[in-house]
Amino acid sequence: MFGSKSENGYMEVLNGIKIKTLNYGRDTLMTEFLLKKGSILPEHAHINEQTGYFVKGKMRLFIDGSSRIVTPGDSWNIPSNSKHKAEVIEDSVAIEVFSPGRNDYMKYVYDGDIME
């Protein structure tokens, strides 16, 4: 499948945090997060391995008790079942891939963006 760039389809999942599923396959799912300055992604864990790339802004990312300030061009991997959270320092954009794909994120697919 191919995806097309669109400003449409973002859903606010937490105060100041919007998500859109950009594309997905049998085993992976790719999302874009729009993160407002001052927003917090609370600590959580899930079975999905999560690999991310930071496009814009600045945030502090915590993974299993360690933290780092990430800036554009930085990337990360969060192993399955690892606790993680984020504090957004500047308006930011992140791309993340989940494996296996997150079924709960399928509701954030914007049909106008995905082309078969």
N, C-alpha and C. Protein backbone atom coordinates (compact mmCIF):
# COMPACT_ATOMS: atom_id res chain seq x y z
N MET A 1 0.84 -1.19 0.00
CA MET A 1 0.00 0.00 0.00
C MET A 1 0.88 1.24 0.00
N PHE A 2 0.35 2.29 -0.52
CA PHE A 2 1.00 3.59 -0.50
C PHE A 2 0.18 4.54 0.35
N GLY A 3 0.83 5.47 1.00
CA GLY A 3 0.15 6.53 1.74
C GLY A 3 0.43 7.86 1.07
N SER A 4 -0.45 8.81 1.24
CA SER A 4 -0.27 10.14 0.68
C SER A 4 -0.26 11.18 1.78
N LYS A 5 0.56 12.20 1.63
CA LYS A 5 0.64 13.28 2.61
C LYS A 5 -0.70 13.99 2.69
N SER A 6 -1.14 14.25 3.91
CA SER A 6 -2.39 14.96 4.14
C SER A 6 -2.35 15.60 5.52
N GLU A 7 -2.93 16.76 5.62
CA GLU A 7 -3.06 17.43 6.92
C GLU A 7 -4.29 16.93 7.67
N ASN A 8 -5.09 16.08 7.03
CA ASN A 8 -6.32 15.57 7.62
C ASN A 8 -6.09 14.26 8.37
N GLY A 9 -7.03 13.92 9.23
CA GLY A 9 -7.06 12.60 9.83
C GLY A 9 -6.42 12.46 11.20
N TYR A 10 -5.88 13.52 11.78
CA TYR A 10 -5.27 13.43 13.11
C TYR A 10 -6.36 13.39 14.17
N MET A 11 -6.14 12.56 15.19
CA MET A 11 -7.07 12.44 16.30
C MET A 11 -6.33 12.75 17.59
N GLU A 12 -6.92 13.57 18.44
CA GLU A 12 -6.30 13.87 19.73
C GLU A 12 -6.57 12.71 20.68
N VAL A 13 -5.50 12.06 21.16
CA VAL A 13 -5.64 10.91 22.05
C VAL A 13 -5.40 11.29 23.51
N LEU A 14 -4.64 12.32 23.74
CA LEU A 14 -4.41 12.90 25.06
C LEU A 14 -4.29 14.39 24.86
N ASN A 15 -4.44 15.15 25.93
CA ASN A 15 -4.35 16.60 25.82
C ASN A 15 -3.01 16.99 25.18
N GLY A 16 -3.05 17.60 23.99
CA GLY A 16 -1.86 18.07 23.30
C GLY A 16 -1.14 17.01 22.49
N ILE A 17 -1.71 15.80 22.38
CA ILE A 17 -1.06 14.73 21.63
C ILE A 17 -2.04 14.20 20.59
N LYS A 18 -1.67 14.36 19.31
CA LYS A 18 -2.49 13.88 18.21
C LYS A 18 -1.74 12.76 17.49
N ILE A 19 -2.50 11.85 16.91
CA ILE A 19 -1.93 10.70 16.22
C ILE A 19 -2.66 10.47 14.91
N LYS A 20 -1.91 9.96 13.95
CA LYS A 20 -2.51 9.48 12.70
C LYS A 20 -1.71 8.26 12.27
N THR A 21 -2.39 7.18 11.92
CA THR A 21 -1.72 6.02 11.36
C THR A 21 -1.44 6.32 9.89
N LEU A 22 -0.15 6.30 9.53
CA LEU A 22 0.26 6.64 8.16
C LEU A 22 0.15 5.45 7.22
N ASN A 23 0.50 4.27 7.72
CA ASN A 23 0.43 3.07 6.90
C ASN A 23 0.57 1.85 7.79
N TYR A 24 0.21 0.70 7.27
CA TYR A 24 0.27 -0.52 8.07
C TYR A 24 0.36 -1.72 7.14
N GLY A 25 0.83 -2.81 7.69
CA GLY A 25 0.91 -4.06 6.97
C GLY A 25 0.50 -5.19 7.89
N ARG A 26 0.87 -6.39 7.54
CA ARG A 26 0.50 -7.55 8.34
C ARG A 26 1.17 -7.52 9.71
N ASP A 27 2.45 -7.08 9.76
CA ASP A 27 3.22 -7.17 10.99
C ASP A 27 3.66 -5.83 11.58
N THR A 28 3.43 -4.74 10.88
CA THR A 28 3.88 -3.43 11.37
C THR A 28 2.80 -2.37 11.16
N LEU A 29 2.96 -1.28 11.89
CA LEU A 29 2.07 -0.13 11.77
C LEU A 29 2.90 1.12 12.00
N MET A 30 2.79 2.12 11.12
CA MET A 30 3.56 3.35 11.23
C MET A 30 2.62 4.52 11.55
N THR A 31 3.00 5.32 12.55
CA THR A 31 2.18 6.44 12.99
C THR A 31 2.98 7.73 12.98
N GLU A 32 2.24 8.82 12.91
CA GLU A 32 2.83 10.15 13.10
C GLU A 32 2.17 10.77 14.33
N PHE A 33 2.99 11.29 15.23
CA PHE A 33 2.51 11.97 16.42
C PHE A 33 2.79 13.46 16.30
N LEU A 34 1.79 14.30 16.57
CA LEU A 34 1.95 15.74 16.70
C LEU A 34 1.83 16.03 18.19
N LEU A 35 2.88 16.62 18.77
CA LEU A 35 2.97 16.79 20.22
C LEU A 35 3.12 18.27 20.56
N LYS A 36 2.21 18.80 21.35
CA LYS A 36 2.24 20.21 21.74
C LYS A 36 3.16 20.42 22.94
N LYS A 37 3.86 21.54 22.92
CA LYS A 37 4.73 21.92 24.03
C LYS A 37 3.97 21.81 25.35
N GLY A 38 4.60 21.18 26.35
CA GLY A 38 4.00 21.04 27.67
C GLY A 38 3.16 19.78 27.86
N SER A 39 2.89 19.06 26.78
CA SER A 39 2.07 17.85 26.94
C SER A 39 2.93 16.71 27.50
N ILE A 40 2.24 15.76 28.11
CA ILE A 40 2.88 14.63 28.77
C ILE A 40 2.26 13.33 28.23
N LEU A 41 3.12 12.41 27.83
CA LEU A 41 2.67 11.06 27.52
C LEU A 41 2.95 10.24 28.77
N PRO A 42 1.91 9.83 29.51
CA PRO A 42 2.12 9.14 30.78
C PRO A 42 2.86 7.81 30.60
N GLU A 43 3.51 7.37 31.67
CA GLU A 43 4.23 6.10 31.62
C GLU A 43 3.27 4.96 31.31
N HIS A 44 3.70 4.09 30.41
CA HIS A 44 2.91 2.93 30.02
C HIS A 44 3.83 1.88 29.39
N ALA A 45 3.30 0.73 29.11
CA ALA A 45 4.02 -0.34 28.44
C ALA A 45 3.02 -1.12 27.60
N HIS A 46 3.51 -1.79 26.57
CA HIS A 46 2.66 -2.63 25.72
C HIS A 46 3.51 -3.72 25.09
N ILE A 47 2.87 -4.71 24.52
CA ILE A 47 3.61 -5.85 23.96
C ILE A 47 4.35 -5.48 22.68
N ASN A 48 3.99 -4.37 22.06
CA ASN A 48 4.56 -4.00 20.78
C ASN A 48 5.96 -3.41 20.94
N GLU A 49 6.91 -3.88 20.13
CA GLU A 49 8.19 -3.19 20.03
C GLU A 49 7.93 -1.89 19.27
N GLN A 50 8.64 -0.84 19.63
CA GLN A 50 8.35 0.50 19.10
C GLN A 50 9.67 1.16 18.71
N THR A 51 9.78 1.56 17.45
CA THR A 51 10.97 2.25 16.96
C THR A 51 10.53 3.61 16.43
N GLY A 52 11.23 4.66 16.86
CA GLY A 52 10.82 6.01 16.50
C GLY A 52 11.92 6.84 15.88
N TYR A 53 11.50 7.88 15.16
CA TYR A 53 12.38 8.86 14.53
C TYR A 53 11.81 10.24 14.83
N PHE A 54 12.66 11.13 15.33
CA PHE A 54 12.20 12.46 15.72
C PHE A 54 12.40 13.43 14.57
N VAL A 55 11.31 14.05 14.12
CA VAL A 55 11.31 14.91 12.94
C VAL A 55 11.50 16.38 13.31
N LYS A 56 10.84 16.83 14.39
CA LYS A 56 10.81 18.26 14.69
C LYS A 56 10.61 18.45 16.18
N GLY A 57 11.23 19.51 16.76
CA GLY A 57 10.99 19.90 18.13
C GLY A 57 12.01 19.40 19.11
N LYS A 58 11.55 19.20 20.36
CA LYS A 58 12.41 18.70 21.44
C LYS A 58 11.52 18.08 22.50
N MET A 59 11.93 16.91 22.99
CA MET A 59 11.21 16.28 24.09
C MET A 59 12.17 15.42 24.91
N ARG A 60 11.78 15.14 26.14
CA ARG A 60 12.53 14.21 26.99
C ARG A 60 11.79 12.89 26.94
N LEU A 61 12.52 11.85 26.53
CA LEU A 61 11.97 10.51 26.41
C LEU A 61 12.58 9.62 27.49
N PHE A 62 11.72 8.92 28.19
CA PHE A 62 12.13 8.01 29.26
C PHE A 62 11.84 6.58 28.80
N ILE A 63 12.84 5.71 28.89
CA ILE A 63 12.68 4.30 28.54
C ILE A 63 13.30 3.48 29.66
N ASP A 64 12.49 2.69 30.34
CA ASP A 64 12.97 1.81 31.42
C ASP A 64 13.85 2.55 32.43
N GLY A 65 13.43 3.75 32.83
CA GLY A 65 14.13 4.48 33.87
C GLY A 65 15.25 5.37 33.38
N SER A 66 15.69 5.23 32.14
CA SER A 66 16.71 6.12 31.58
C SER A 66 16.00 7.21 30.78
N SER A 67 16.64 8.39 30.69
CA SER A 67 16.02 9.45 29.91
C SER A 67 17.05 10.14 29.03
N ARG A 68 16.52 10.77 27.99
CA ARG A 68 17.36 11.52 27.06
C ARG A 68 16.50 12.58 26.40
N ILE A 69 17.09 13.75 26.18
CA ILE A 69 16.41 14.77 25.38
C ILE A 69 16.66 14.43 23.93
N VAL A 70 15.57 14.31 23.15
CA VAL A 70 15.69 14.00 21.74
C VAL A 70 15.39 15.24 20.92
N THR A 71 16.12 15.37 19.82
CA THR A 71 15.98 16.48 18.89
C THR A 71 15.93 15.93 17.47
N PRO A 72 15.61 16.75 16.48
CA PRO A 72 15.45 16.24 15.11
C PRO A 72 16.64 15.40 14.65
N GLY A 73 16.30 14.25 14.07
CA GLY A 73 17.30 13.31 13.58
C GLY A 73 17.59 12.18 14.55
N ASP A 74 17.18 12.32 15.82
CA ASP A 74 17.39 11.25 16.80
C ASP A 74 16.37 10.13 16.58
N SER A 75 16.75 8.94 17.02
CA SER A 75 15.85 7.78 16.91
C SER A 75 15.97 6.95 18.18
N TRP A 76 15.04 6.00 18.35
CA TRP A 76 15.01 5.17 19.55
C TRP A 76 14.31 3.86 19.25
N ASN A 77 14.53 2.91 20.14
CA ASN A 77 13.81 1.64 20.11
C ASN A 77 13.36 1.33 21.52
N ILE A 78 12.10 0.99 21.66
CA ILE A 78 11.52 0.63 22.95
C ILE A 78 11.14 -0.85 22.86
N PRO A 79 11.84 -1.71 23.60
CA PRO A 79 11.53 -3.15 23.54
C PRO A 79 10.12 -3.44 24.05
N SER A 80 9.61 -4.56 23.66
CA SER A 80 8.31 -5.04 24.11
C SER A 80 8.24 -5.02 25.64
N ASN A 81 7.10 -4.55 26.16
CA ASN A 81 6.80 -4.52 27.60
C ASN A 81 7.69 -3.59 28.42
N SER A 82 8.42 -2.67 27.78
CA SER A 82 9.26 -1.71 28.51
C SER A 82 8.44 -0.48 28.88
N LYS A 83 8.60 -0.02 30.11
CA LYS A 83 7.91 1.19 30.54
C LYS A 83 8.57 2.39 29.87
N HIS A 84 7.71 3.32 29.39
CA HIS A 84 8.22 4.53 28.75
C HIS A 84 7.22 5.66 28.89
N LYS A 85 7.74 6.89 28.80
CA LYS A 85 6.90 8.10 28.85
C LYS A 85 7.66 9.21 28.16
N ALA A 86 6.98 10.35 27.95
CA ALA A 86 7.61 11.50 27.29
C ALA A 86 7.07 12.79 27.86
N GLU A 87 7.96 13.79 27.91
CA GLU A 87 7.61 15.17 28.28
C GLU A 87 8.00 16.05 27.10
N VAL A 88 7.04 16.75 26.54
CA VAL A 88 7.26 17.53 25.32
C VAL A 88 7.74 18.93 25.70
N ILE A 89 8.94 19.29 25.25
CA ILE A 89 9.58 20.56 25.59
C ILE A 89 9.24 21.64 24.57
N GLU A 90 9.13 21.27 23.29
CA GLU A 90 8.75 22.17 22.21
C GLU A 90 7.71 21.45 21.35
N ASP A 91 6.90 22.20 20.60
CA ASP A 91 6.01 21.55 19.64
C ASP A 91 6.86 20.59 18.82
N SER A 92 6.37 19.35 18.66
CA SER A 92 7.19 18.30 18.08
C SER A 92 6.42 17.39 17.15
N VAL A 93 7.18 16.66 16.32
CA VAL A 93 6.64 15.65 15.42
C VAL A 93 7.54 14.42 15.52
N ALA A 94 6.91 13.25 15.69
CA ALA A 94 7.65 11.98 15.75
C ALA A 94 6.95 10.96 14.87
N ILE A 95 7.75 10.11 14.24
CA ILE A 95 7.25 8.98 13.46
C ILE A 95 7.61 7.72 14.23
N GLU A 96 6.65 6.81 14.40
CA GLU A 96 6.94 5.58 15.14
C GLU A 96 6.35 4.37 14.41
N VAL A 97 7.11 3.28 14.48
CA VAL A 97 6.69 2.01 13.88
C VAL A 97 6.53 1.00 15.01
N PHE A 98 5.42 0.28 14.98
CA PHE A 98 5.10 -0.72 16.00
C PHE A 98 5.08 -2.11 15.36
N SER A 99 5.67 -3.07 16.08
CA SER A 99 5.63 -4.45 15.63
C SER A 99 5.39 -5.35 16.84
N PRO A 100 4.39 -6.21 16.84
CA PRO A 100 3.37 -6.27 15.78
C PRO A 100 2.57 -4.97 15.75
N GLY A 101 1.86 -4.76 14.65
CA GLY A 101 1.03 -3.57 14.53
C GLY A 101 0.04 -3.46 15.67
N ARG A 102 -0.27 -2.25 16.05
CA ARG A 102 -1.23 -2.04 17.15
C ARG A 102 -2.64 -1.99 16.60
N ASN A 103 -3.43 -2.99 16.92
CA ASN A 103 -4.83 -3.01 16.48
C ASN A 103 -5.60 -1.82 17.01
N ASP A 104 -5.26 -1.35 18.23
CA ASP A 104 -5.98 -0.21 18.80
C ASP A 104 -5.70 1.08 18.03
N TYR A 105 -4.63 1.14 17.23
CA TYR A 105 -4.33 2.33 16.44
C TYR A 105 -4.99 2.28 15.06
N MET A 106 -5.62 1.19 14.71
CA MET A 106 -6.30 1.11 13.41
C MET A 106 -7.45 2.11 13.32
N LYS A 107 -7.99 2.52 14.45
CA LYS A 107 -9.08 3.51 14.42
C LYS A 107 -8.57 4.90 14.03
N TYR A 108 -7.24 5.07 14.00
CA TYR A 108 -6.65 6.36 13.62
C TYR A 108 -6.19 6.39 12.17
N VAL A 109 -6.60 5.40 11.38
CA VAL A 109 -6.29 5.39 9.95
C VAL A 109 -7.22 6.37 9.26
N TYR A 110 -6.65 7.29 8.51
CA TYR A 110 -7.44 8.22 7.72
C TYR A 110 -7.58 7.63 6.33
N ASP A 111 -8.77 7.19 5.97
CA ASP A 111 -8.98 6.46 4.72
C ASP A 111 -8.54 7.24 3.49
N GLY A 112 -8.57 8.54 3.55
CA GLY A 112 -8.16 9.34 2.40
C GLY A 112 -6.66 9.31 2.15
N ASP A 113 -5.89 8.81 3.12
CA ASP A 113 -4.44 8.79 2.98
C ASP A 113 -3.89 7.49 2.45
N ILE A 114 -4.59 6.40 2.62
CA ILE A 114 -4.08 5.08 2.24
C ILE A 114 -4.62 4.69 0.88
N MET A 115 -3.72 4.34 -0.01
CA MET A 115 -4.14 3.92 -1.36
C MET A 115 -3.63 2.51 -1.60
N GLU A 116 -4.48 1.66 -2.12
CA GLU A 116 -4.06 0.28 -2.42
C GLU A 116 -3.58 0.19 -3.85
